[in-house]
Amino acid sequence: MNVPPGIFLNTLTDLTLVDKELNEIWHRLAEAENFDKRVEIIRCWIQKKKWNTYKQEIILSAYLNNAIPTTSVADLAEKLCYSVRQLNRKSHEFFGLSTEALIHYKRYLSSLRLLHHQNRSLTDIAYQSGFYDQSHFIHDFRDFTGITPSEYRKQKSDMSAHLFS
């Protein structure tokens, strides 16, 4: 059965209703001796599955994994040979978010990485992460974390995105 992941956003679902094979996997996972055996069961199952992946989906995935977050919705849609509207539909289908929200999240992740691993000014980090200016950067960062980038710097731990209380 080909069910888009966005359908499961914020819902509790018995996945054995989506794919009957998952019932067998669930029992095998319960019987596995340890975590490594469970990982191996899942890995083998994933490798066995034939995923229908389209070129546009691969490019979108590559964009999301790429370190450069400066693409606009229109630029990304053009790169994928989608209309902006079609890209938003695909984005909602795959991720449960609009393309614009994905781009904002991508910029946030980039800024988080730079804040954590580099001692640059907030303005430099804002521009390098694809924000228009430091003000937008601070606003978006606060929306994602509840604190400003400066506060994050003061509270950060050795692990990225982890804070000391």
N, C-alpha and C. Protein backbone atom coordinates (compact mmCIF):
# COMPACT_ATOMS: atom_id res chain seq x y z
N MET A 1 0.85 -1.17 0.00
CA MET A 1 0.00 0.00 0.00
C MET A 1 0.89 1.23 0.00
N ASN A 2 0.55 2.23 -0.79
CA ASN A 2 1.35 3.44 -0.91
C ASN A 2 0.63 4.57 -0.18
N VAL A 3 1.02 4.82 1.07
CA VAL A 3 0.37 5.83 1.90
C VAL A 3 1.37 6.94 2.17
N PRO A 4 1.01 8.20 1.85
CA PRO A 4 1.95 9.30 2.11
C PRO A 4 2.13 9.52 3.61
N PRO A 5 3.37 9.79 4.04
CA PRO A 5 3.65 9.94 5.47
C PRO A 5 2.91 11.09 6.13
N GLY A 6 2.59 12.15 5.38
CA GLY A 6 1.92 13.31 5.95
C GLY A 6 0.58 12.96 6.59
N ILE A 7 -0.05 11.86 6.17
CA ILE A 7 -1.33 11.44 6.74
C ILE A 7 -1.19 11.09 8.22
N PHE A 8 -0.01 10.65 8.62
CA PHE A 8 0.19 10.20 10.00
C PHE A 8 0.64 11.31 10.95
N LEU A 9 0.75 12.53 10.44
CA LEU A 9 1.20 13.64 11.26
C LEU A 9 0.24 13.85 12.43
N ASN A 10 0.78 13.86 13.64
CA ASN A 10 0.02 14.11 14.87
C ASN A 10 -1.15 13.15 15.08
N THR A 11 -0.98 11.91 14.64
CA THR A 11 -2.01 10.90 14.87
C THR A 11 -1.38 9.64 15.41
N LEU A 12 -2.18 8.89 16.15
CA LEU A 12 -1.76 7.59 16.65
C LEU A 12 -2.39 6.56 15.73
N THR A 13 -1.56 5.72 15.07
CA THR A 13 -2.07 4.81 14.06
C THR A 13 -1.49 3.43 14.26
N ASP A 14 -2.32 2.42 14.12
CA ASP A 14 -1.87 1.03 14.12
C ASP A 14 -1.33 0.74 12.72
N LEU A 15 -0.01 0.73 12.58
CA LEU A 15 0.59 0.59 11.26
C LEU A 15 0.37 -0.79 10.64
N THR A 16 -0.06 -1.76 11.44
CA THR A 16 -0.38 -3.06 10.85
C THR A 16 -1.60 -2.96 9.96
N LEU A 17 -2.39 -1.91 10.11
CA LEU A 17 -3.53 -1.68 9.22
C LEU A 17 -3.05 -1.11 7.88
N VAL A 18 -1.88 -0.49 7.88
CA VAL A 18 -1.32 0.09 6.66
C VAL A 18 -0.56 -0.97 5.88
N ASP A 19 0.21 -1.78 6.57
CA ASP A 19 1.01 -2.83 5.92
C ASP A 19 0.95 -4.08 6.80
N LYS A 20 0.33 -5.14 6.30
CA LYS A 20 0.14 -6.38 7.07
C LYS A 20 1.47 -6.99 7.50
N GLU A 21 2.52 -6.76 6.72
CA GLU A 21 3.84 -7.32 7.05
C GLU A 21 4.37 -6.76 8.37
N LEU A 22 3.92 -5.57 8.74
CA LEU A 22 4.40 -4.96 9.98
C LEU A 22 3.97 -5.74 11.22
N ASN A 23 2.89 -6.50 11.12
CA ASN A 23 2.48 -7.34 12.25
C ASN A 23 3.54 -8.40 12.52
N GLU A 24 4.05 -9.03 11.46
CA GLU A 24 5.12 -10.03 11.60
C GLU A 24 6.39 -9.37 12.14
N ILE A 25 6.73 -8.22 11.61
CA ILE A 25 7.92 -7.49 12.07
C ILE A 25 7.78 -7.17 13.56
N TRP A 26 6.61 -6.74 13.98
CA TRP A 26 6.37 -6.40 15.38
C TRP A 26 6.64 -7.60 16.28
N HIS A 27 6.16 -8.77 15.87
CA HIS A 27 6.39 -9.98 16.67
C HIS A 27 7.87 -10.35 16.68
N ARG A 28 8.54 -10.23 15.55
CA ARG A 28 9.97 -10.55 15.50
C ARG A 28 10.77 -9.58 16.38
N LEU A 29 10.39 -8.31 16.40
CA LEU A 29 11.07 -7.33 17.25
C LEU A 29 10.87 -7.67 18.72
N ALA A 30 9.67 -8.10 19.08
CA ALA A 30 9.39 -8.46 20.48
C ALA A 30 10.21 -9.66 20.92
N GLU A 31 10.49 -10.57 20.00
CA GLU A 31 11.23 -11.78 20.33
C GLU A 31 12.75 -11.61 20.25
N ALA A 32 13.20 -10.51 19.66
CA ALA A 32 14.65 -10.28 19.51
C ALA A 32 15.33 -10.18 20.87
N GLU A 33 16.55 -10.67 20.94
CA GLU A 33 17.29 -10.74 22.21
C GLU A 33 17.77 -9.38 22.70
N ASN A 34 18.14 -8.50 21.76
CA ASN A 34 18.69 -7.22 22.18
C ASN A 34 18.44 -6.15 21.11
N PHE A 35 18.89 -4.96 21.41
CA PHE A 35 18.67 -3.81 20.53
C PHE A 35 19.32 -4.03 19.17
N ASP A 36 20.55 -4.53 19.13
CA ASP A 36 21.24 -4.75 17.86
C ASP A 36 20.48 -5.70 16.95
N LYS A 37 19.87 -6.73 17.53
CA LYS A 37 19.08 -7.69 16.73
C LYS A 37 17.83 -6.99 16.17
N ARG A 38 17.24 -6.10 16.96
CA ARG A 38 16.07 -5.36 16.50
C ARG A 38 16.44 -4.44 15.34
N VAL A 39 17.57 -3.78 15.47
CA VAL A 39 18.04 -2.91 14.39
C VAL A 39 18.26 -3.73 13.12
N GLU A 40 18.84 -4.89 13.24
CA GLU A 40 19.08 -5.76 12.09
C GLU A 40 17.77 -6.19 11.43
N ILE A 41 16.75 -6.49 12.21
CA ILE A 41 15.44 -6.87 11.67
C ILE A 41 14.87 -5.71 10.84
N ILE A 42 14.91 -4.52 11.38
CA ILE A 42 14.39 -3.34 10.68
C ILE A 42 15.22 -3.07 9.42
N ARG A 43 16.55 -3.15 9.54
CA ARG A 43 17.42 -2.90 8.38
C ARG A 43 17.12 -3.87 7.25
N CYS A 44 16.97 -5.13 7.56
CA CYS A 44 16.67 -6.13 6.53
C CYS A 44 15.31 -5.87 5.90
N TRP A 45 14.34 -5.50 6.72
CA TRP A 45 13.00 -5.22 6.19
C TRP A 45 13.03 -4.03 5.23
N ILE A 46 13.74 -2.96 5.61
CA ILE A 46 13.83 -1.77 4.77
C ILE A 46 14.53 -2.10 3.45
N GLN A 47 15.60 -2.87 3.50
CA GLN A 47 16.32 -3.22 2.28
C GLN A 47 15.47 -4.07 1.34
N LYS A 48 14.57 -4.86 1.90
CA LYS A 48 13.70 -5.71 1.11
C LYS A 48 12.62 -4.91 0.37
N LYS A 49 12.20 -3.83 0.97
CA LYS A 49 11.10 -3.03 0.40
C LYS A 49 11.56 -2.35 -0.87
N LYS A 50 10.67 -2.24 -1.81
CA LYS A 50 10.95 -1.48 -3.04
C LYS A 50 10.25 -0.14 -2.88
N TRP A 51 11.05 0.90 -2.78
CA TRP A 51 10.50 2.23 -2.59
C TRP A 51 10.38 2.90 -3.94
N ASN A 52 9.22 3.49 -4.22
CA ASN A 52 9.03 4.26 -5.44
C ASN A 52 9.50 5.68 -5.16
N THR A 53 10.69 5.99 -5.59
CA THR A 53 11.25 7.31 -5.36
C THR A 53 11.42 8.01 -6.70
N TYR A 54 10.87 9.20 -6.79
CA TYR A 54 10.97 9.98 -8.01
C TYR A 54 12.15 10.93 -7.91
N LYS A 55 12.64 11.34 -9.07
CA LYS A 55 13.82 12.21 -9.12
C LYS A 55 13.60 13.48 -8.28
N GLN A 56 12.41 14.07 -8.36
CA GLN A 56 12.13 15.28 -7.60
C GLN A 56 12.23 15.03 -6.09
N GLU A 57 11.78 13.86 -5.65
CA GLU A 57 11.84 13.53 -4.22
C GLU A 57 13.28 13.39 -3.76
N ILE A 58 14.12 12.82 -4.62
CA ILE A 58 15.55 12.68 -4.30
C ILE A 58 16.19 14.05 -4.19
N ILE A 59 15.85 14.96 -5.12
CA ILE A 59 16.41 16.31 -5.09
C ILE A 59 15.93 17.06 -3.86
N LEU A 60 14.65 16.91 -3.52
CA LEU A 60 14.13 17.58 -2.32
C LEU A 60 14.83 17.05 -1.07
N SER A 61 15.02 15.76 -1.00
CA SER A 61 15.74 15.16 0.12
C SER A 61 17.17 15.68 0.18
N ALA A 62 17.82 15.76 -0.97
CA ALA A 62 19.20 16.28 -1.02
C ALA A 62 19.24 17.72 -0.54
N TYR A 63 18.24 18.51 -0.94
CA TYR A 63 18.20 19.90 -0.49
C TYR A 63 18.09 19.96 1.04
N LEU A 64 17.21 19.14 1.58
CA LEU A 64 17.01 19.16 3.03
C LEU A 64 18.25 18.69 3.78
N ASN A 65 19.07 17.86 3.16
CA ASN A 65 20.30 17.38 3.80
C ASN A 65 21.50 18.25 3.48
N ASN A 66 21.35 19.19 2.58
CA ASN A 66 22.43 20.06 2.14
C ASN A 66 22.66 21.15 3.19
N ALA A 67 23.89 21.59 3.32
CA ALA A 67 24.24 22.59 4.34
C ALA A 67 23.86 24.01 3.92
N ILE A 68 23.49 24.25 2.65
CA ILE A 68 23.20 25.61 2.19
C ILE A 68 21.69 25.83 2.15
N PRO A 69 21.15 26.60 3.10
CA PRO A 69 19.70 26.74 3.22
C PRO A 69 19.12 27.98 2.55
N THR A 70 19.75 28.57 1.56
CA THR A 70 19.32 29.87 1.06
C THR A 70 18.28 29.82 -0.05
N THR A 71 17.82 28.67 -0.46
CA THR A 71 16.87 28.57 -1.55
C THR A 71 15.50 29.11 -1.14
N SER A 72 14.85 29.82 -2.07
CA SER A 72 13.47 30.26 -1.84
C SER A 72 12.53 29.17 -2.34
N VAL A 73 11.25 29.29 -2.01
CA VAL A 73 10.26 28.31 -2.45
C VAL A 73 10.22 28.27 -3.97
N ALA A 74 10.22 29.45 -4.60
CA ALA A 74 10.17 29.52 -6.07
C ALA A 74 11.41 28.88 -6.70
N ASP A 75 12.59 29.14 -6.14
CA ASP A 75 13.83 28.54 -6.67
C ASP A 75 13.81 27.02 -6.52
N LEU A 76 13.36 26.55 -5.37
CA LEU A 76 13.31 25.12 -5.13
C LEU A 76 12.29 24.45 -6.06
N ALA A 77 11.14 25.09 -6.25
CA ALA A 77 10.12 24.55 -7.16
C ALA A 77 10.66 24.47 -8.58
N GLU A 78 11.37 25.49 -9.00
CA GLU A 78 11.96 25.49 -10.35
C GLU A 78 13.00 24.38 -10.50
N LYS A 79 13.83 24.21 -9.49
CA LYS A 79 14.86 23.18 -9.51
C LYS A 79 14.25 21.78 -9.61
N LEU A 80 13.08 21.60 -9.01
CA LEU A 80 12.41 20.31 -8.98
C LEU A 80 11.43 20.12 -10.14
N CYS A 81 11.29 21.15 -10.97
CA CYS A 81 10.33 21.13 -12.09
C CYS A 81 8.91 20.95 -11.59
N TYR A 82 8.60 21.58 -10.47
CA TYR A 82 7.25 21.62 -9.91
C TYR A 82 6.78 23.06 -9.94
N SER A 83 5.47 23.25 -9.94
CA SER A 83 4.95 24.58 -9.67
C SER A 83 5.08 24.79 -8.16
N VAL A 84 5.00 26.02 -7.72
CA VAL A 84 5.08 26.31 -6.29
C VAL A 84 3.95 25.59 -5.56
N ARG A 85 2.77 25.59 -6.17
CA ARG A 85 1.62 24.93 -5.56
C ARG A 85 1.83 23.42 -5.44
N GLN A 86 2.36 22.80 -6.52
CA GLN A 86 2.61 21.36 -6.48
C GLN A 86 3.68 21.02 -5.45
N LEU A 87 4.71 21.85 -5.35
CA LEU A 87 5.76 21.62 -4.35
C LEU A 87 5.18 21.69 -2.94
N ASN A 88 4.30 22.64 -2.70
CA ASN A 88 3.67 22.73 -1.38
C ASN A 88 2.82 21.50 -1.09
N ARG A 89 2.10 21.00 -2.09
CA ARG A 89 1.32 19.77 -1.89
C ARG A 89 2.23 18.61 -1.55
N LYS A 90 3.35 18.47 -2.30
CA LYS A 90 4.31 17.38 -2.04
C LYS A 90 4.92 17.54 -0.65
N SER A 91 5.27 18.76 -0.30
CA SER A 91 5.87 19.03 1.00
C SER A 91 4.91 18.62 2.13
N HIS A 92 3.65 19.00 1.99
CA HIS A 92 2.65 18.60 3.00
C HIS A 92 2.48 17.09 3.02
N GLU A 93 2.49 16.47 1.85
CA GLU A 93 2.32 15.02 1.76
C GLU A 93 3.47 14.28 2.44
N PHE A 94 4.70 14.70 2.18
CA PHE A 94 5.88 14.01 2.71
C PHE A 94 6.20 14.37 4.15
N PHE A 95 6.06 15.65 4.50
CA PHE A 95 6.56 16.12 5.79
C PHE A 95 5.50 16.71 6.71
N GLY A 96 4.32 16.97 6.18
CA GLY A 96 3.28 17.59 6.99
C GLY A 96 3.52 19.07 7.22
N LEU A 97 4.41 19.66 6.44
CA LEU A 97 4.74 21.09 6.56
C LEU A 97 4.72 21.74 5.18
N SER A 98 4.50 23.05 5.15
CA SER A 98 4.60 23.77 3.89
C SER A 98 6.07 23.86 3.49
N THR A 99 6.31 24.16 2.24
CA THR A 99 7.69 24.32 1.76
C THR A 99 8.36 25.47 2.50
N GLU A 100 7.61 26.54 2.71
CA GLU A 100 8.15 27.70 3.43
C GLU A 100 8.57 27.31 4.85
N ALA A 101 7.75 26.52 5.52
CA ALA A 101 8.09 26.08 6.88
C ALA A 101 9.34 25.20 6.86
N LEU A 102 9.47 24.34 5.84
CA LEU A 102 10.68 23.52 5.73
C LEU A 102 11.92 24.38 5.54
N ILE A 103 11.81 25.41 4.71
CA ILE A 103 12.95 26.30 4.48
C ILE A 103 13.31 27.05 5.77
N HIS A 104 12.31 27.51 6.50
CA HIS A 104 12.59 28.18 7.79
C HIS A 104 13.28 27.21 8.75
N TYR A 105 12.79 25.99 8.79
CA TYR A 105 13.39 24.99 9.69
C TYR A 105 14.82 24.70 9.25
N LYS A 106 15.06 24.62 7.97
CA LYS A 106 16.40 24.37 7.44
C LYS A 106 17.36 25.50 7.82
N ARG A 107 16.87 26.73 7.71
CA ARG A 107 17.69 27.89 8.11
C ARG A 107 17.99 27.84 9.61
N TYR A 108 16.99 27.49 10.39
CA TYR A 108 17.19 27.38 11.84
C TYR A 108 18.26 26.33 12.15
N LEU A 109 18.17 25.15 11.53
CA LEU A 109 19.16 24.10 11.79
C LEU A 109 20.56 24.54 11.40
N SER A 110 20.67 25.24 10.29
CA SER A 110 21.97 25.75 9.86
C SER A 110 22.51 26.74 10.89
N SER A 111 21.66 27.66 11.34
CA SER A 111 22.11 28.65 12.32
C SER A 111 22.49 27.99 13.64
N LEU A 112 21.75 26.97 14.03
CA LEU A 112 22.05 26.24 15.26
C LEU A 112 23.44 25.62 15.18
N ARG A 113 23.74 25.00 14.04
CA ARG A 113 25.05 24.38 13.83
C ARG A 113 26.16 25.43 13.90
N LEU A 114 25.95 26.57 13.25
CA LEU A 114 26.96 27.62 13.25
C LEU A 114 27.13 28.24 14.65
N LEU A 115 26.02 28.45 15.34
CA LEU A 115 26.10 29.00 16.70
C LEU A 115 26.86 28.07 17.62
N HIS A 116 26.67 26.80 17.41
CA HIS A 116 27.27 25.82 18.30
C HIS A 116 28.76 25.61 18.03
N HIS A 117 29.14 25.66 16.77
CA HIS A 117 30.50 25.27 16.42
C HIS A 117 31.41 26.41 15.97
N GLN A 118 30.86 27.60 15.83
CA GLN A 118 31.69 28.71 15.40
C GLN A 118 31.43 29.92 16.29
N ASN A 119 32.46 30.73 16.46
CA ASN A 119 32.33 31.91 17.30
C ASN A 119 32.25 33.15 16.42
N ARG A 120 31.21 33.20 15.58
CA ARG A 120 31.01 34.33 14.67
C ARG A 120 29.96 35.26 15.25
N SER A 121 29.88 36.44 14.64
CA SER A 121 28.83 37.38 15.07
C SER A 121 27.47 36.84 14.64
N LEU A 122 26.44 37.29 15.32
CA LEU A 122 25.08 36.86 14.98
C LEU A 122 24.70 37.30 13.58
N THR A 123 25.20 38.44 13.15
CA THR A 123 24.91 38.92 11.79
C THR A 123 25.51 37.99 10.76
N ASP A 124 26.77 37.58 10.95
CA ASP A 124 27.41 36.64 10.02
C ASP A 124 26.64 35.31 9.97
N ILE A 125 26.25 34.82 11.13
CA ILE A 125 25.52 33.56 11.19
C ILE A 125 24.17 33.70 10.50
N ALA A 126 23.50 34.82 10.70
CA ALA A 126 22.21 35.06 10.06
C ALA A 126 22.35 35.00 8.54
N TYR A 127 23.32 35.73 8.00
CA TYR A 127 23.51 35.76 6.54
C TYR A 127 23.94 34.39 6.00
N GLN A 128 24.84 33.74 6.68
CA GLN A 128 25.32 32.44 6.21
C GLN A 128 24.22 31.38 6.26
N SER A 129 23.26 31.56 7.16
CA SER A 129 22.16 30.60 7.29
C SER A 129 20.99 30.91 6.36
N GLY A 130 21.09 32.02 5.62
CA GLY A 130 20.05 32.34 4.65
C GLY A 130 19.00 33.31 5.13
N PHE A 131 19.19 33.91 6.30
CA PHE A 131 18.24 34.92 6.78
C PHE A 131 18.55 36.25 6.11
N TYR A 132 17.52 37.11 5.99
CA TYR A 132 17.70 38.41 5.34
C TYR A 132 18.50 39.36 6.21
N ASP A 133 18.32 39.26 7.51
CA ASP A 133 19.05 40.11 8.43
C ASP A 133 19.03 39.48 9.83
N GLN A 134 19.75 40.12 10.74
CA GLN A 134 19.86 39.59 12.10
C GLN A 134 18.51 39.59 12.82
N SER A 135 17.69 40.58 12.55
CA SER A 135 16.38 40.68 13.18
C SER A 135 15.50 39.48 12.85
N HIS A 136 15.44 39.09 11.56
CA HIS A 136 14.66 37.91 11.17
C HIS A 136 15.25 36.64 11.80
N PHE A 137 16.54 36.58 11.86
CA PHE A 137 17.23 35.44 12.45
C PHE A 137 16.82 35.28 13.91
N ILE A 138 16.92 36.35 14.68
CA ILE A 138 16.58 36.30 16.11
C ILE A 138 15.11 35.92 16.29
N HIS A 139 14.23 36.51 15.50
CA HIS A 139 12.79 36.22 15.59
C HIS A 139 12.51 34.74 15.31
N ASP A 140 13.05 34.21 14.21
CA ASP A 140 12.82 32.81 13.85
C ASP A 140 13.45 31.86 14.86
N PHE A 141 14.65 32.18 15.32
CA PHE A 141 15.34 31.34 16.30
C PHE A 141 14.50 31.26 17.58
N ARG A 142 13.97 32.39 18.01
CA ARG A 142 13.14 32.42 19.21
C ARG A 142 11.85 31.62 18.99
N ASP A 143 11.30 31.67 17.79
CA ASP A 143 10.09 30.88 17.50
C ASP A 143 10.36 29.39 17.65
N PHE A 144 11.54 28.94 17.23
CA PHE A 144 11.87 27.51 17.31
C PHE A 144 12.28 27.08 18.72
N THR A 145 12.97 27.95 19.45
CA THR A 145 13.57 27.52 20.71
C THR A 145 12.98 28.16 21.96
N GLY A 146 12.37 29.32 21.81
CA GLY A 146 11.88 30.05 22.97
C GLY A 146 12.93 30.95 23.59
N ILE A 147 14.15 30.93 23.05
CA ILE A 147 15.23 31.80 23.55
C ILE A 147 15.92 32.46 22.35
N THR A 148 16.68 33.50 22.62
CA THR A 148 17.41 34.18 21.55
C THR A 148 18.71 33.43 21.26
N PRO A 149 19.32 33.70 20.11
CA PRO A 149 20.61 33.07 19.82
C PRO A 149 21.68 33.39 20.86
N SER A 150 21.68 34.59 21.39
CA SER A 150 22.65 34.96 22.44
C SER A 150 22.45 34.12 23.69
N GLU A 151 21.18 33.93 24.07
CA GLU A 151 20.89 33.10 25.24
C GLU A 151 21.31 31.65 24.98
N TYR A 152 21.09 31.18 23.76
CA TYR A 152 21.51 29.82 23.41
C TYR A 152 23.02 29.68 23.58
N ARG A 153 23.77 30.65 23.09
CA ARG A 153 25.24 30.60 23.22
C ARG A 153 25.69 30.49 24.67
N LYS A 154 25.02 31.21 25.53
CA LYS A 154 25.40 31.20 26.95
C LYS A 154 25.07 29.87 27.62
N GLN A 155 24.03 29.17 27.12
CA GLN A 155 23.55 27.96 27.79
C GLN A 155 23.92 26.67 27.08
N LYS A 156 24.57 26.75 25.94
CA LYS A 156 24.81 25.53 25.14
C LYS A 156 25.76 24.57 25.85
N SER A 157 25.57 23.28 25.56
CA SER A 157 26.45 22.25 26.10
C SER A 157 27.40 21.78 24.99
N ASP A 158 28.11 20.69 25.22
CA ASP A 158 29.02 20.17 24.21
C ASP A 158 28.27 19.57 23.02
N MET A 159 27.04 19.15 23.25
CA MET A 159 26.26 18.55 22.17
C MET A 159 25.36 19.60 21.56
N SER A 160 25.34 19.67 20.23
CA SER A 160 24.52 20.64 19.52
C SER A 160 23.06 20.48 19.90
N ALA A 161 22.36 21.60 20.08
CA ALA A 161 20.94 21.66 20.41
C ALA A 161 20.63 21.22 21.84
N HIS A 162 21.62 21.06 22.68
CA HIS A 162 21.42 20.71 24.09
C HIS A 162 21.88 21.89 24.94
N LEU A 163 21.10 22.20 25.94
CA LEU A 163 21.40 23.34 26.79
C LEU A 163 21.63 22.92 28.22
N PHE A 164 22.44 23.73 28.93
CA PHE A 164 22.57 23.57 30.37
C PHE A 164 21.47 24.39 31.02
N SER A 165 20.86 23.89 32.05
CA SER A 165 19.81 24.65 32.74
C SER A 165 20.41 25.49 33.83
